[in-house]
N, C-alpha and C. Protein backbone atom coordinates (compact mmCIF):
# COMPACT_ATOMS: atom_id res chain seq x y z
N MET A 1 -162.57 -170.93 -3.92
CA MET A 1 -161.18 -170.57 -4.15
C MET A 1 -160.91 -169.19 -3.57
N PHE A 2 -159.63 -168.99 -3.20
CA PHE A 2 -159.20 -167.75 -2.57
C PHE A 2 -157.88 -167.32 -3.20
N THR A 3 -157.39 -166.15 -2.80
CA THR A 3 -156.12 -165.65 -3.33
C THR A 3 -155.04 -165.53 -2.26
N GLY A 4 -155.41 -165.68 -0.99
CA GLY A 4 -154.44 -165.49 0.07
C GLY A 4 -154.20 -164.04 0.41
N ILE A 5 -155.08 -163.15 -0.07
CA ILE A 5 -155.00 -161.74 0.30
C ILE A 5 -156.04 -161.51 1.41
N VAL A 6 -155.58 -161.34 2.62
CA VAL A 6 -156.46 -161.19 3.78
C VAL A 6 -157.23 -159.89 3.65
N THR A 7 -158.57 -159.97 3.83
CA THR A 7 -159.41 -158.79 3.64
C THR A 7 -160.02 -158.26 4.94
N ASP A 8 -159.86 -158.97 6.04
CA ASP A 8 -160.35 -158.49 7.33
C ASP A 8 -159.71 -159.32 8.44
N LEU A 9 -159.63 -158.72 9.62
CA LEU A 9 -159.25 -159.45 10.83
C LEU A 9 -160.53 -159.66 11.63
N GLY A 10 -160.94 -160.91 11.75
CA GLY A 10 -162.13 -161.23 12.51
C GLY A 10 -161.78 -161.48 13.96
N GLU A 11 -162.81 -161.47 14.81
CA GLU A 11 -162.63 -161.77 16.23
C GLU A 11 -163.62 -162.85 16.63
N ILE A 12 -163.12 -163.87 17.32
CA ILE A 12 -163.99 -164.91 17.84
C ILE A 12 -164.74 -164.34 19.04
N VAL A 13 -166.08 -164.33 18.96
CA VAL A 13 -166.87 -163.77 20.07
C VAL A 13 -167.64 -164.85 20.82
N ALA A 14 -167.76 -166.06 20.27
CA ALA A 14 -168.42 -167.15 20.98
C ALA A 14 -167.96 -168.48 20.38
N LEU A 15 -167.85 -169.48 21.24
CA LEU A 15 -167.50 -170.84 20.84
C LEU A 15 -168.42 -171.81 21.56
N GLU A 16 -168.88 -172.82 20.83
CA GLU A 16 -169.72 -173.86 21.43
C GLU A 16 -169.29 -175.20 20.86
N ASN A 17 -168.96 -176.13 21.75
CA ASN A 17 -168.52 -177.45 21.30
C ASN A 17 -169.62 -178.47 21.57
N THR A 18 -170.17 -179.01 20.48
CA THR A 18 -171.23 -180.01 20.59
C THR A 18 -170.87 -181.25 19.77
N GLY A 19 -169.60 -181.63 19.79
CA GLY A 19 -169.09 -182.67 18.89
C GLY A 19 -168.40 -181.99 17.73
N ASP A 20 -169.13 -181.10 17.05
CA ASP A 20 -168.53 -180.16 16.12
C ASP A 20 -168.30 -178.87 16.90
N LEU A 21 -167.52 -177.97 16.35
CA LEU A 21 -167.26 -176.68 16.99
C LEU A 21 -168.03 -175.61 16.23
N ARG A 22 -168.84 -174.85 16.95
CA ARG A 22 -169.55 -173.72 16.34
C ARG A 22 -168.89 -172.45 16.84
N ALA A 23 -168.56 -171.56 15.90
CA ALA A 23 -167.89 -170.31 16.26
C ALA A 23 -168.66 -169.13 15.70
N ARG A 24 -168.72 -168.06 16.50
CA ARG A 24 -169.30 -166.80 16.04
C ARG A 24 -168.14 -165.83 15.83
N ILE A 25 -168.10 -165.23 14.65
CA ILE A 25 -167.01 -164.34 14.27
C ILE A 25 -167.56 -162.94 14.03
N ARG A 26 -167.01 -161.95 14.73
CA ARG A 26 -167.34 -160.55 14.46
C ARG A 26 -166.38 -160.06 13.40
N CYS A 27 -166.89 -159.29 12.44
CA CYS A 27 -166.04 -158.84 11.34
C CYS A 27 -166.49 -157.48 10.84
N GLY A 28 -165.73 -156.93 9.92
CA GLY A 28 -166.06 -155.64 9.32
C GLY A 28 -166.75 -155.76 7.98
N TYR A 29 -167.09 -156.98 7.55
CA TYR A 29 -167.76 -157.16 6.26
C TYR A 29 -169.17 -156.56 6.31
N ASP A 30 -169.64 -156.10 5.16
CA ASP A 30 -171.03 -155.69 5.01
C ASP A 30 -171.86 -156.97 5.08
N MET A 31 -172.54 -157.20 6.20
CA MET A 31 -173.24 -158.47 6.38
C MET A 31 -174.43 -158.62 5.44
N GLY A 32 -174.87 -157.54 4.83
CA GLY A 32 -175.92 -157.65 3.82
C GLY A 32 -175.45 -158.38 2.58
N SER A 33 -174.14 -158.48 2.41
CA SER A 33 -173.58 -159.17 1.23
C SER A 33 -173.07 -160.57 1.56
N VAL A 34 -173.22 -161.01 2.82
CA VAL A 34 -172.77 -162.34 3.22
C VAL A 34 -174.00 -163.24 3.36
N GLU A 35 -174.11 -164.21 2.46
CA GLU A 35 -175.27 -165.08 2.45
C GLU A 35 -175.01 -166.35 3.23
N ILE A 36 -176.09 -166.95 3.74
CA ILE A 36 -175.99 -168.28 4.34
C ILE A 36 -175.45 -169.22 3.26
N GLY A 37 -174.47 -170.03 3.61
CA GLY A 37 -173.84 -170.94 2.64
C GLY A 37 -172.59 -170.37 1.99
N ALA A 38 -172.29 -169.09 2.26
CA ALA A 38 -171.09 -168.48 1.69
C ALA A 38 -169.84 -169.15 2.26
N SER A 39 -168.78 -169.19 1.45
CA SER A 39 -167.49 -169.71 1.89
C SER A 39 -166.58 -168.55 2.26
N ILE A 40 -165.99 -168.64 3.45
CA ILE A 40 -165.02 -167.65 3.91
C ILE A 40 -163.83 -168.41 4.47
N ALA A 41 -162.63 -167.97 4.14
CA ALA A 41 -161.41 -168.58 4.69
C ALA A 41 -161.12 -167.97 6.05
N HIS A 42 -160.92 -168.84 7.04
CA HIS A 42 -160.64 -168.45 8.42
C HIS A 42 -159.26 -168.98 8.78
N ALA A 43 -158.27 -168.09 8.88
CA ALA A 43 -156.88 -168.53 9.10
C ALA A 43 -156.52 -169.58 8.07
N GLY A 44 -157.03 -169.40 6.84
CA GLY A 44 -156.72 -170.30 5.75
C GLY A 44 -157.64 -171.48 5.59
N VAL A 45 -158.60 -171.66 6.48
CA VAL A 45 -159.51 -172.81 6.43
C VAL A 45 -160.85 -172.35 5.85
N CYS A 46 -161.27 -172.95 4.75
CA CYS A 46 -162.55 -172.62 4.13
C CYS A 46 -163.68 -173.19 4.99
N LEU A 47 -164.55 -172.29 5.47
CA LEU A 47 -165.70 -172.69 6.28
C LEU A 47 -166.96 -172.05 5.73
N THR A 48 -168.09 -172.69 5.99
CA THR A 48 -169.39 -172.26 5.46
C THR A 48 -170.16 -171.45 6.50
N VAL A 49 -170.69 -170.31 6.07
CA VAL A 49 -171.51 -169.46 6.94
C VAL A 49 -172.86 -170.15 7.15
N ILE A 50 -173.26 -170.30 8.44
CA ILE A 50 -174.54 -170.97 8.73
C ILE A 50 -175.56 -170.04 9.40
N ALA A 51 -175.14 -168.87 9.86
CA ALA A 51 -176.05 -167.88 10.45
C ALA A 51 -175.37 -166.53 10.39
N THR A 52 -176.16 -165.45 10.34
CA THR A 52 -175.59 -164.10 10.28
C THR A 52 -176.33 -163.16 11.21
N GLY A 53 -175.65 -162.08 11.58
CA GLY A 53 -176.24 -161.00 12.38
C GLY A 53 -175.75 -159.67 11.86
N ALA A 54 -175.91 -158.63 12.65
CA ALA A 54 -175.57 -157.28 12.21
C ALA A 54 -174.09 -157.12 11.87
N ASP A 55 -173.20 -157.69 12.72
CA ASP A 55 -171.76 -157.56 12.49
C ASP A 55 -171.04 -158.88 12.76
N TRP A 56 -171.76 -159.99 12.63
CA TRP A 56 -171.19 -161.30 12.92
C TRP A 56 -171.80 -162.37 12.02
N TYR A 57 -171.14 -163.52 12.02
CA TYR A 57 -171.70 -164.72 11.38
C TYR A 57 -171.18 -165.93 12.13
N ASP A 58 -171.88 -167.05 11.96
CA ASP A 58 -171.49 -168.31 12.59
C ASP A 58 -171.01 -169.30 11.55
N VAL A 59 -170.06 -170.15 11.96
CA VAL A 59 -169.60 -171.27 11.16
C VAL A 59 -169.58 -172.52 12.03
N GLN A 60 -169.71 -173.67 11.40
CA GLN A 60 -169.63 -174.95 12.09
C GLN A 60 -168.41 -175.69 11.57
N ILE A 61 -167.59 -176.20 12.49
CA ILE A 61 -166.30 -176.79 12.13
C ILE A 61 -166.29 -178.24 12.59
N SER A 62 -166.06 -179.16 11.67
CA SER A 62 -166.07 -180.58 12.02
C SER A 62 -164.88 -180.93 12.91
N ALA A 63 -165.03 -182.01 13.66
CA ALA A 63 -163.94 -182.49 14.50
C ALA A 63 -162.72 -182.83 13.66
N GLU A 64 -162.92 -183.33 12.44
CA GLU A 64 -161.82 -183.64 11.52
C GLU A 64 -161.02 -182.38 11.21
N THR A 65 -161.70 -181.29 10.88
CA THR A 65 -161.02 -180.04 10.56
C THR A 65 -160.27 -179.52 11.78
N VAL A 66 -160.89 -179.57 12.95
CA VAL A 66 -160.23 -179.12 14.17
C VAL A 66 -158.95 -179.92 14.40
N SER A 67 -158.98 -181.24 14.14
CA SER A 67 -157.82 -182.09 14.41
C SER A 67 -156.66 -181.85 13.44
N LYS A 68 -156.93 -181.31 12.26
CA LYS A 68 -155.90 -181.14 11.24
C LYS A 68 -155.38 -179.71 11.11
N THR A 69 -155.92 -178.78 11.91
CA THR A 69 -155.59 -177.36 11.78
C THR A 69 -155.29 -176.77 13.16
N ASN A 70 -155.07 -175.46 13.20
CA ASN A 70 -154.87 -174.80 14.49
C ASN A 70 -156.16 -174.24 15.07
N LEU A 71 -157.31 -174.54 14.47
CA LEU A 71 -158.58 -173.99 14.92
C LEU A 71 -158.97 -174.48 16.32
N GLY A 72 -158.44 -175.61 16.75
CA GLY A 72 -158.70 -176.10 18.10
C GLY A 72 -158.14 -175.18 19.17
N GLY A 73 -157.21 -174.31 18.79
CA GLY A 73 -156.62 -173.36 19.73
C GLY A 73 -157.38 -172.04 19.81
N TRP A 74 -158.46 -171.91 19.05
CA TRP A 74 -159.24 -170.67 19.11
C TRP A 74 -159.82 -170.49 20.51
N THR A 75 -159.83 -169.24 20.97
CA THR A 75 -160.49 -168.87 22.22
C THR A 75 -161.28 -167.60 21.95
N VAL A 76 -162.24 -167.31 22.82
CA VAL A 76 -162.98 -166.06 22.68
C VAL A 76 -161.97 -164.92 22.78
N GLY A 77 -162.05 -164.02 21.83
CA GLY A 77 -161.11 -162.90 21.76
C GLY A 77 -159.99 -163.11 20.75
N SER A 78 -159.80 -164.36 20.30
CA SER A 78 -158.78 -164.63 19.27
C SER A 78 -159.08 -163.83 18.01
N ARG A 79 -158.02 -163.32 17.39
CA ARG A 79 -158.14 -162.63 16.11
C ARG A 79 -157.71 -163.59 15.01
N ILE A 80 -158.42 -163.55 13.88
CA ILE A 80 -158.12 -164.47 12.78
C ILE A 80 -158.16 -163.74 11.44
N ASN A 81 -157.30 -164.20 10.53
CA ASN A 81 -157.29 -163.68 9.17
C ASN A 81 -158.52 -164.20 8.43
N LEU A 82 -159.21 -163.29 7.73
CA LEU A 82 -160.39 -163.66 6.97
C LEU A 82 -160.20 -163.27 5.50
N GLU A 83 -160.79 -164.08 4.63
CA GLU A 83 -160.86 -163.74 3.21
C GLU A 83 -162.13 -164.34 2.62
N ARG A 84 -162.89 -163.51 1.93
CA ARG A 84 -164.09 -164.01 1.25
C ARG A 84 -163.68 -164.71 -0.04
N ALA A 85 -164.55 -165.59 -0.51
CA ALA A 85 -164.25 -166.38 -1.71
C ALA A 85 -164.06 -165.49 -2.93
N LEU A 86 -163.18 -165.94 -3.80
CA LEU A 86 -162.87 -165.26 -5.05
C LEU A 86 -164.08 -165.27 -5.97
N LYS A 87 -164.35 -164.12 -6.60
CA LYS A 87 -165.42 -164.03 -7.60
C LYS A 87 -164.78 -163.87 -8.97
N VAL A 88 -165.46 -164.34 -10.00
CA VAL A 88 -164.96 -164.17 -11.36
C VAL A 88 -164.78 -162.68 -11.61
N GLY A 89 -163.61 -162.29 -12.10
CA GLY A 89 -163.31 -160.90 -12.38
C GLY A 89 -162.54 -160.21 -11.27
N ASP A 90 -162.42 -160.86 -10.07
CA ASP A 90 -161.63 -160.28 -8.99
C ASP A 90 -160.15 -160.30 -9.35
N GLU A 91 -159.41 -159.35 -8.79
CA GLU A 91 -157.97 -159.33 -8.98
C GLU A 91 -157.33 -160.51 -8.25
N LEU A 92 -156.42 -161.18 -8.91
CA LEU A 92 -155.71 -162.30 -8.30
C LEU A 92 -154.37 -161.77 -7.81
N GLY A 93 -154.36 -161.22 -6.60
CA GLY A 93 -153.18 -160.55 -6.08
C GLY A 93 -152.18 -161.47 -5.42
N GLY A 94 -152.61 -162.63 -4.94
CA GLY A 94 -151.71 -163.56 -4.26
C GLY A 94 -151.41 -164.74 -5.17
N HIS A 95 -151.92 -165.91 -4.77
CA HIS A 95 -151.86 -167.10 -5.62
C HIS A 95 -153.13 -167.91 -5.36
N ILE A 96 -153.40 -168.91 -6.17
CA ILE A 96 -154.60 -169.71 -6.00
C ILE A 96 -154.49 -170.51 -4.70
N VAL A 97 -155.46 -170.29 -3.81
CA VAL A 97 -155.51 -170.95 -2.51
C VAL A 97 -156.87 -171.64 -2.40
N SER A 98 -156.87 -172.90 -2.00
CA SER A 98 -158.13 -173.66 -1.95
C SER A 98 -158.86 -173.53 -0.62
N GLY A 99 -158.14 -173.20 0.44
CA GLY A 99 -158.76 -173.21 1.76
C GLY A 99 -158.76 -174.58 2.39
N HIS A 100 -158.02 -175.52 1.79
CA HIS A 100 -157.88 -176.87 2.32
C HIS A 100 -156.47 -176.99 2.90
N VAL A 101 -156.37 -176.87 4.20
CA VAL A 101 -155.08 -176.84 4.88
C VAL A 101 -154.42 -178.21 4.82
N ASP A 102 -153.10 -178.21 4.52
CA ASP A 102 -152.34 -179.46 4.42
C ASP A 102 -151.74 -179.90 5.74
N GLY A 103 -151.46 -178.95 6.62
CA GLY A 103 -150.85 -179.27 7.90
C GLY A 103 -150.61 -178.01 8.70
N VAL A 104 -149.93 -178.17 9.82
CA VAL A 104 -149.67 -177.05 10.72
C VAL A 104 -148.15 -176.87 10.83
N ALA A 105 -147.70 -175.64 10.60
CA ALA A 105 -146.28 -175.29 10.76
C ALA A 105 -146.12 -174.52 12.07
N GLU A 106 -144.88 -174.47 12.55
CA GLU A 106 -144.59 -173.77 13.81
C GLU A 106 -143.60 -172.64 13.55
N ILE A 107 -143.86 -171.49 14.15
CA ILE A 107 -142.90 -170.38 14.08
C ILE A 107 -141.74 -170.72 15.00
N THR A 108 -140.53 -170.78 14.44
CA THR A 108 -139.35 -171.16 15.23
C THR A 108 -138.42 -169.99 15.54
N ALA A 109 -138.54 -168.89 14.78
CA ALA A 109 -137.68 -167.73 15.04
C ALA A 109 -138.29 -166.49 14.40
N LEU A 110 -138.02 -165.33 15.01
CA LEU A 110 -138.40 -164.03 14.48
C LEU A 110 -137.18 -163.13 14.56
N ARG A 111 -136.90 -162.41 13.47
CA ARG A 111 -135.72 -161.55 13.44
C ARG A 111 -136.05 -160.31 12.62
N ASP A 112 -135.89 -159.13 13.22
CA ASP A 112 -136.14 -157.90 12.47
C ASP A 112 -135.06 -157.70 11.42
N GLU A 113 -135.48 -157.31 10.23
CA GLU A 113 -134.58 -156.97 9.12
C GLU A 113 -135.08 -155.66 8.55
N GLY A 114 -134.49 -154.56 8.97
CA GLY A 114 -135.00 -153.25 8.59
C GLY A 114 -136.36 -153.08 9.26
N GLU A 115 -137.36 -152.66 8.50
CA GLU A 115 -138.71 -152.52 9.05
C GLU A 115 -139.50 -153.81 8.95
N SER A 116 -138.98 -154.78 8.23
CA SER A 116 -139.64 -156.06 8.06
C SER A 116 -139.19 -157.05 9.12
N THR A 117 -139.85 -158.20 9.17
CA THR A 117 -139.48 -159.25 10.10
C THR A 117 -139.31 -160.55 9.34
N ARG A 118 -138.18 -161.22 9.56
CA ARG A 118 -137.93 -162.53 8.97
C ARG A 118 -138.50 -163.59 9.92
N PHE A 119 -139.45 -164.35 9.43
CA PHE A 119 -140.06 -165.45 10.18
C PHE A 119 -139.43 -166.75 9.71
N SER A 120 -139.08 -167.62 10.65
CA SER A 120 -138.67 -168.98 10.31
C SER A 120 -139.76 -169.92 10.79
N PHE A 121 -140.08 -170.89 9.93
CA PHE A 121 -141.14 -171.87 10.22
C PHE A 121 -140.59 -173.27 10.06
N ARG A 122 -141.14 -174.20 10.85
CA ARG A 122 -140.84 -175.62 10.65
C ARG A 122 -142.11 -176.29 10.13
N ALA A 123 -142.01 -176.87 8.95
CA ALA A 123 -143.14 -177.56 8.33
C ALA A 123 -143.12 -179.03 8.73
N PRO A 124 -144.26 -179.70 8.68
CA PRO A 124 -144.26 -181.15 8.86
C PRO A 124 -143.36 -181.79 7.79
N GLU A 125 -142.61 -182.81 8.17
CA GLU A 125 -141.66 -183.46 7.25
C GLU A 125 -142.31 -183.85 5.92
N ALA A 126 -143.52 -184.37 5.97
CA ALA A 126 -144.19 -184.85 4.75
C ALA A 126 -144.50 -183.72 3.77
N LEU A 127 -144.55 -182.48 4.24
CA LEU A 127 -144.88 -181.35 3.37
C LEU A 127 -143.67 -180.56 2.92
N ALA A 128 -142.51 -180.81 3.55
CA ALA A 128 -141.32 -180.01 3.26
C ALA A 128 -140.92 -180.05 1.79
N LYS A 129 -141.11 -181.18 1.13
CA LYS A 129 -140.69 -181.30 -0.27
C LYS A 129 -141.48 -180.40 -1.22
N TYR A 130 -142.62 -179.90 -0.76
CA TYR A 130 -143.46 -179.04 -1.60
C TYR A 130 -143.11 -177.56 -1.47
N ILE A 131 -142.20 -177.22 -0.57
CA ILE A 131 -141.87 -175.82 -0.29
C ILE A 131 -140.54 -175.49 -0.95
N ALA A 132 -140.55 -174.48 -1.83
CA ALA A 132 -139.35 -174.14 -2.60
C ALA A 132 -139.04 -172.66 -2.50
N PRO A 133 -137.75 -172.29 -2.54
CA PRO A 133 -137.40 -170.86 -2.54
C PRO A 133 -138.09 -170.14 -3.69
N LYS A 134 -138.63 -168.98 -3.39
CA LYS A 134 -139.37 -168.11 -4.32
C LYS A 134 -140.71 -168.70 -4.72
N GLY A 135 -141.10 -169.81 -4.11
CA GLY A 135 -142.43 -170.37 -4.31
C GLY A 135 -143.41 -169.72 -3.35
N SER A 136 -144.67 -170.08 -3.48
CA SER A 136 -145.72 -169.53 -2.64
C SER A 136 -146.22 -170.56 -1.64
N VAL A 137 -146.62 -170.08 -0.48
CA VAL A 137 -147.34 -170.87 0.51
C VAL A 137 -148.43 -169.97 1.08
N ALA A 138 -149.46 -170.59 1.64
CA ALA A 138 -150.46 -169.83 2.40
C ALA A 138 -150.28 -170.22 3.86
N LEU A 139 -150.05 -169.22 4.71
CA LEU A 139 -149.88 -169.42 6.15
C LEU A 139 -150.96 -168.64 6.87
N ASP A 140 -151.80 -169.37 7.61
CA ASP A 140 -152.98 -168.78 8.24
C ASP A 140 -153.78 -167.96 7.23
N GLY A 141 -153.79 -168.44 5.99
CA GLY A 141 -154.59 -167.83 4.94
C GLY A 141 -153.92 -166.73 4.16
N ALA A 142 -152.72 -166.33 4.54
CA ALA A 142 -152.01 -165.25 3.84
C ALA A 142 -151.07 -165.83 2.80
N SER A 143 -151.16 -165.35 1.57
CA SER A 143 -150.25 -165.76 0.50
C SER A 143 -148.90 -165.10 0.72
N LEU A 144 -147.87 -165.94 0.86
CA LEU A 144 -146.53 -165.43 1.16
C LEU A 144 -145.49 -166.10 0.27
N THR A 145 -144.39 -165.39 0.03
CA THR A 145 -143.30 -165.91 -0.80
C THR A 145 -142.20 -166.46 0.09
N VAL A 146 -141.76 -167.66 -0.23
CA VAL A 146 -140.69 -168.33 0.53
C VAL A 146 -139.35 -167.72 0.13
N ASN A 147 -138.53 -167.36 1.12
CA ASN A 147 -137.20 -166.83 0.84
C ASN A 147 -136.16 -167.92 0.74
N GLU A 148 -136.11 -168.79 1.75
CA GLU A 148 -135.11 -169.86 1.73
C GLU A 148 -135.70 -171.10 2.39
N VAL A 149 -135.10 -172.24 2.06
CA VAL A 149 -135.54 -173.53 2.60
C VAL A 149 -134.31 -174.30 3.05
N ASP A 150 -134.40 -174.91 4.22
CA ASP A 150 -133.33 -175.77 4.73
C ASP A 150 -134.00 -176.97 5.39
N GLY A 151 -134.11 -178.06 4.64
CA GLY A 151 -134.83 -179.22 5.14
C GLY A 151 -136.29 -178.89 5.32
N SER A 152 -136.80 -179.05 6.55
CA SER A 152 -138.21 -178.75 6.80
C SER A 152 -138.40 -177.33 7.35
N THR A 153 -137.32 -176.56 7.42
CA THR A 153 -137.40 -175.18 7.89
C THR A 153 -137.37 -174.23 6.69
N PHE A 154 -138.22 -173.21 6.75
CA PHE A 154 -138.23 -172.23 5.66
C PHE A 154 -138.44 -170.83 6.24
N GLY A 155 -137.97 -169.84 5.49
CA GLY A 155 -138.04 -168.46 5.94
C GLY A 155 -138.89 -167.60 5.04
N ILE A 156 -139.56 -166.65 5.66
CA ILE A 156 -140.43 -165.71 4.94
C ILE A 156 -140.22 -164.33 5.53
N ASN A 157 -140.14 -163.32 4.67
CA ASN A 157 -140.01 -161.94 5.11
C ASN A 157 -141.40 -161.32 5.14
N ILE A 158 -141.81 -160.79 6.30
CA ILE A 158 -143.13 -160.17 6.44
C ILE A 158 -142.93 -158.65 6.51
N ILE A 159 -143.50 -157.94 5.55
CA ILE A 159 -143.36 -156.48 5.50
C ILE A 159 -144.32 -155.82 6.50
N PRO A 160 -144.09 -154.55 6.84
CA PRO A 160 -144.94 -153.87 7.82
C PRO A 160 -146.42 -153.88 7.46
N HIS A 161 -146.76 -153.70 6.19
CA HIS A 161 -148.18 -153.71 5.79
C HIS A 161 -148.83 -155.04 6.13
N THR A 162 -148.15 -156.14 5.82
CA THR A 162 -148.71 -157.46 6.10
C THR A 162 -148.87 -157.66 7.60
N LYS A 163 -147.90 -157.20 8.38
CA LYS A 163 -148.01 -157.30 9.84
C LYS A 163 -149.21 -156.50 10.34
N ALA A 164 -149.50 -155.36 9.71
CA ALA A 164 -150.58 -154.49 10.17
C ALA A 164 -151.97 -155.05 9.85
N VAL A 165 -152.10 -155.80 8.76
CA VAL A 165 -153.44 -156.23 8.33
C VAL A 165 -153.69 -157.72 8.53
N THR A 166 -152.75 -158.43 9.17
CA THR A 166 -152.92 -159.85 9.45
C THR A 166 -152.53 -160.14 10.89
N THR A 167 -152.71 -161.37 11.28
CA THR A 167 -152.33 -161.79 12.64
C THR A 167 -150.81 -161.92 12.80
N PHE A 168 -150.05 -161.78 11.73
CA PHE A 168 -148.59 -161.87 11.86
C PHE A 168 -148.01 -160.71 12.66
N GLY A 169 -148.76 -159.62 12.82
CA GLY A 169 -148.29 -158.50 13.62
C GLY A 169 -148.18 -158.82 15.10
N THR A 170 -148.89 -159.84 15.56
CA THR A 170 -148.84 -160.23 16.97
C THR A 170 -148.31 -161.65 17.16
N ALA A 171 -147.76 -162.24 16.10
CA ALA A 171 -147.28 -163.63 16.16
C ALA A 171 -146.05 -163.73 17.05
N ARG A 172 -145.88 -164.94 17.64
CA ARG A 172 -144.73 -165.19 18.52
C ARG A 172 -144.11 -166.54 18.19
N VAL A 173 -142.87 -166.70 18.59
CA VAL A 173 -142.20 -168.00 18.45
C VAL A 173 -143.02 -169.04 19.20
N GLY A 174 -143.20 -170.19 18.57
CA GLY A 174 -144.00 -171.27 19.15
C GLY A 174 -145.42 -171.31 18.65
N ASP A 175 -145.91 -170.21 18.04
CA ASP A 175 -147.27 -170.21 17.48
C ASP A 175 -147.36 -171.24 16.36
N LYS A 176 -148.52 -171.86 16.26
CA LYS A 176 -148.81 -172.81 15.18
C LYS A 176 -149.65 -172.10 14.13
N VAL A 177 -149.30 -172.29 12.86
CA VAL A 177 -150.03 -171.65 11.77
C VAL A 177 -150.47 -172.71 10.76
N ASN A 178 -151.64 -172.47 10.18
CA ASN A 178 -152.14 -173.38 9.14
C ASN A 178 -151.31 -173.20 7.88
N LEU A 179 -150.90 -174.32 7.30
CA LEU A 179 -150.06 -174.32 6.10
C LEU A 179 -150.80 -174.98 4.95
N GLU A 180 -150.93 -174.24 3.86
CA GLU A 180 -151.42 -174.82 2.61
C GLU A 180 -150.32 -174.65 1.57
N ILE A 181 -149.87 -175.77 1.04
CA ILE A 181 -148.82 -175.71 0.03
C ILE A 181 -149.42 -175.24 -1.29
N ASP A 182 -148.56 -174.78 -2.19
CA ASP A 182 -149.00 -174.31 -3.49
C ASP A 182 -149.59 -175.46 -4.30
N THR A 183 -150.75 -175.23 -4.89
CA THR A 183 -151.43 -176.26 -5.68
C THR A 183 -150.55 -176.77 -6.80
N LEU A 184 -149.83 -175.89 -7.47
CA LEU A 184 -148.95 -176.30 -8.57
C LEU A 184 -147.87 -177.26 -8.07
N ALA A 185 -147.29 -176.97 -6.90
CA ALA A 185 -146.26 -177.86 -6.33
C ALA A 185 -146.83 -179.24 -6.05
N ARG A 186 -148.06 -179.29 -5.58
CA ARG A 186 -148.73 -180.56 -5.29
C ARG A 186 -148.85 -181.41 -6.56
N TYR A 187 -149.28 -180.78 -7.66
CA TYR A 187 -149.47 -181.53 -8.90
C TYR A 187 -148.15 -181.93 -9.55
N VAL A 188 -147.15 -181.07 -9.48
CA VAL A 188 -145.83 -181.41 -10.02
C VAL A 188 -145.27 -182.62 -9.27
N ALA A 189 -145.38 -182.61 -7.95
CA ALA A 189 -144.88 -183.75 -7.14
C ALA A 189 -145.64 -185.02 -7.49
N ARG A 190 -146.94 -184.92 -7.66
CA ARG A 190 -147.75 -186.11 -8.00
C ARG A 190 -147.35 -186.68 -9.35
N LEU A 191 -147.13 -185.81 -10.34
CA LEU A 191 -146.71 -186.26 -11.67
C LEU A 191 -145.35 -186.95 -11.59
N THR A 192 -144.44 -186.38 -10.80
CA THR A 192 -143.11 -186.98 -10.64
C THR A 192 -143.19 -188.36 -9.99
N GLU A 193 -144.03 -188.46 -8.96
CA GLU A 193 -144.20 -189.76 -8.28
C GLU A 193 -144.85 -190.79 -9.21
N TRP A 194 -145.79 -190.34 -10.04
CA TRP A 194 -146.50 -191.26 -10.94
C TRP A 194 -145.54 -191.88 -11.95
N LYS A 195 -144.58 -191.10 -12.44
CA LYS A 195 -143.61 -191.58 -13.42
C LYS A 195 -142.59 -192.52 -12.80
N ALA A 196 -142.38 -192.41 -11.50
CA ALA A 196 -141.33 -193.19 -10.81
C ALA A 196 -141.62 -194.65 -10.74
């Protein structure tokens, strides 16, 4: 489990495709505290550490995961939002995030509002019903609050701090981002469908 509070910006330093995708990520984490088998969220996708070095670690990504996320667009030099798994007693600053991406949303517009930037996203039609004003979503692993919703389009205000510590600082219209809907919204919708 994660909170959607990004704790580092990693860099892809190597990629190898052997049916599955193996990626080497350089990061600022104390690698002495990252064990083989550890779970780390990569742009919102929970992946398992399979090897470590002085300032890097490797993960293996199944073809299924690549097909359902934006990880297939990774290239050497790509920067990605990272978050280590939640530990008992950690501060829950965002919202509960599983690291299981539901789909891919697209950035459709960017508009400066004061020092912040209003991002507009288009969600897959099947996921739009789970996104509500003032609700939470995880986009590329970052816990964010929805401002408004219009059909499958929704808006989020990104403050300067978030732009500085995540990949949203370099995001552009047309970029694809991993979308994880709020767990609570998923269960409420399921209960409603069950009663129907």
